[in-house]
């Protein structure tokens, strides 16, 4: 009474098989990537616009760094 055994017919179809370790690893990696994407875009309505603004800002910073005399920029003291 009250026992649930697979030999009682029909109970065997409810058993969930453990997936292959490689499949499980891939599923976990996909889930982690999905969570990371969702977290990075949380509160942002237009993700594409934000990415474009970020790329534009990086380009401006790169150009400024390239246009500075002496590479790193900063003040140079001349003794003399």
C-alpha atoms as a PDB file:
ATOM      1  CA  UNK A   1       0.000   0.000   0.000  1.00  0.00           C
ATOM      2  CA  UNK A   2       1.320   3.427  -0.928  1.00  0.00           C
ATOM      3  CA  UNK A   3       4.353   2.036  -2.723  1.00  0.00           C
ATOM      4  CA  UNK A   4       5.293   3.318  -6.148  1.00  0.00           C
ATOM      5  CA  UNK A   5       7.330   0.687  -7.958  1.00  0.00           C
ATOM      6  CA  UNK A   6       8.311   0.663 -11.650  1.00  0.00           C
ATOM      7  CA  UNK A   7       7.176  -2.920 -11.950  1.00  0.00           C
ATOM      8  CA  UNK A   8       3.570  -1.901 -11.287  1.00  0.00           C
ATOM      9  CA  UNK A   9       3.179  -0.802 -14.888  1.00  0.00           C
ATOM     10  CA  UNK A  10       3.388   2.680 -16.346  1.00  0.00           C
ATOM     11  CA  UNK A  11       5.681   4.094 -13.655  1.00  0.00           C
ATOM     12  CA  UNK A  12       8.792   3.440 -15.772  1.00  0.00           C
ATOM     13  CA  UNK A  13       7.865   6.116 -18.303  1.00  0.00           C
ATOM     14  CA  UNK A  14       8.142   8.810 -15.611  1.00  0.00           C
ATOM     15  CA  UNK A  15      11.842   8.106 -15.031  1.00  0.00           C
ATOM     16  CA  UNK A  16      14.085  10.927 -16.294  1.00  0.00           C
ATOM     17  CA  UNK A  17      17.378   9.800 -17.776  1.00  0.00           C
ATOM     18  CA  UNK A  18      20.530  11.763 -16.969  1.00  0.00           C
ATOM     19  CA  UNK A  19      21.855  13.454 -20.134  1.00  0.00           C
ATOM     20  CA  UNK A  20      25.320  12.856 -21.486  1.00  0.00           C
ATOM     21  CA  UNK A  21      27.940  14.944 -19.585  1.00  0.00           C
ATOM     22  CA  UNK A  22      28.887  16.791 -22.794  1.00  0.00           C
ATOM     23  CA  UNK A  23      25.260  17.705 -23.482  1.00  0.00           C
ATOM     24  CA  UNK A  24      24.802  18.789 -19.874  1.00  0.00           C
ATOM     25  CA  UNK A  25      27.963  20.963 -20.055  1.00  0.00           C
ATOM     26  CA  UNK A  26      26.758  22.611 -23.262  1.00  0.00           C
ATOM     27  CA  UNK A  27      23.321  23.296 -21.781  1.00  0.00           C
ATOM     28  CA  UNK A  28      24.871  24.846 -18.667  1.00  0.00           C
ATOM     29  CA  UNK A  29      27.167  27.027 -20.789  1.00  0.00           C
ATOM     30  CA  UNK A  30      24.242  28.220 -22.911  1.00  0.00           C
ATOM     31  CA  UNK A  31      22.187  28.998 -19.810  1.00  0.00           C
ATOM     32  CA  UNK A  32      25.080  30.940 -18.263  1.00  0.00           C
ATOM     33  CA  UNK A  33      25.573  32.938 -21.470  1.00  0.00           C
ATOM     34  CA  UNK A  34      21.842  33.706 -21.608  1.00  0.00           C
ATOM     35  CA  UNK A  35      21.845  34.895 -17.974  1.00  0.00           C
ATOM     36  CA  UNK A  36      24.891  37.079 -18.645  1.00  0.00           C
ATOM     37  CA  UNK A  37      23.238  38.697 -21.684  1.00  0.00           C
ATOM     38  CA  UNK A  38      20.032  39.327 -19.745  1.00  0.00           C
ATOM     39  CA  UNK A  39      21.954  40.836 -16.827  1.00  0.00           C
ATOM     40  CA  UNK A  40      24.015  43.102 -19.077  1.00  0.00           C
ATOM     41  CA  UNK A  41      20.919  44.480 -20.788  1.00  0.00           C
ATOM     42  CA  UNK A  42      18.769  44.805 -17.680  1.00  0.00           C
ATOM     43  CA  UNK A  43      17.112  48.217 -17.641  1.00  0.00           C
ATOM     44  CA  UNK A  44      18.201  49.061 -21.196  1.00  0.00           C
ATOM     45  CA  UNK A  45      15.411  49.381 -23.731  1.00  0.00           C
ATOM     46  CA  UNK A  46      17.582  49.640 -26.845  1.00  0.00           C
ATOM     47  CA  UNK A  47      20.689  47.464 -26.440  1.00  0.00           C
ATOM     48  CA  UNK A  48      21.847  48.153 -30.017  1.00  0.00           C
ATOM     49  CA  UNK A  49      21.878  51.917 -29.399  1.00  0.00           C
ATOM     50  CA  UNK A  50      23.936  51.516 -26.233  1.00  0.00           C
ATOM     51  CA  UNK A  51      26.462  49.302 -28.044  1.00  0.00           C
ATOM     52  CA  UNK A  52      26.790  51.861 -30.854  1.00  0.00           C
ATOM     53  CA  UNK A  53      27.372  54.697 -28.386  1.00  0.00           C
ATOM     54  CA  UNK A  54      30.013  52.632 -26.580  1.00  0.00           C
ATOM     55  CA  UNK A  55      31.831  51.861 -29.847  1.00  0.00           C
ATOM     56  CA  UNK A  56      31.703  55.520 -30.866  1.00  0.00           C
ATOM     57  CA  UNK A  57      33.144  56.618 -27.502  1.00  0.00           C
ATOM     58  CA  UNK A  58      35.950  54.035 -27.768  1.00  0.00           C
ATOM     59  CA  UNK A  59      36.745  55.291 -31.290  1.00  0.00           C
ATOM     60  CA  UNK A  60      36.917  58.901 -30.053  1.00  0.00           C
ATOM     61  CA  UNK A  61      39.222  57.899 -27.191  1.00  0.00           C
ATOM     62  CA  UNK A  62      41.436  55.917 -29.564  1.00  0.00           C
ATOM     63  CA  UNK A  63      41.737  58.873 -31.953  1.00  0.00           C
ATOM     64  CA  UNK A  64      42.564  61.244 -29.096  1.00  0.00           C
ATOM     65  CA  UNK A  65      45.262  58.907 -27.843  1.00  0.00           C
ATOM     66  CA  UNK A  66      46.734  58.603 -31.352  1.00  0.00           C
ATOM     67  CA  UNK A  67      46.754  62.366 -31.914  1.00  0.00           C
ATOM     68  CA  UNK A  68      48.653  63.168 -28.719  1.00  0.00           C
ATOM     69  CA  UNK A  69      52.339  63.918 -29.240  1.00  0.00           C
ATOM     70  CA  UNK A  70      54.634  61.445 -27.556  1.00  0.00           C
ATOM     71  CA  UNK A  71      52.162  58.585 -27.547  1.00  0.00           C
ATOM     72  CA  UNK A  72      50.979  58.544 -23.946  1.00  0.00           C
ATOM     73  CA  UNK A  73      50.417  62.266 -23.676  1.00  0.00           C
ATOM     74  CA  UNK A  74      50.721  64.094 -20.395  1.00  0.00           C
ATOM     75  CA  UNK A  75      52.929  67.011 -19.459  1.00  0.00           C
ATOM     76  CA  UNK A  76      56.579  67.159 -20.385  1.00  0.00           C
ATOM     77  CA  UNK A  77      58.972  69.247 -18.400  1.00  0.00           C
ATOM     78  CA  UNK A  78      61.912  70.738 -20.126  1.00  0.00           C
ATOM     79  CA  UNK A  79      64.871  71.730 -18.015  1.00  0.00           C
ATOM     80  CA  UNK A  80      67.085  74.232 -19.459  1.00  0.00           C
END
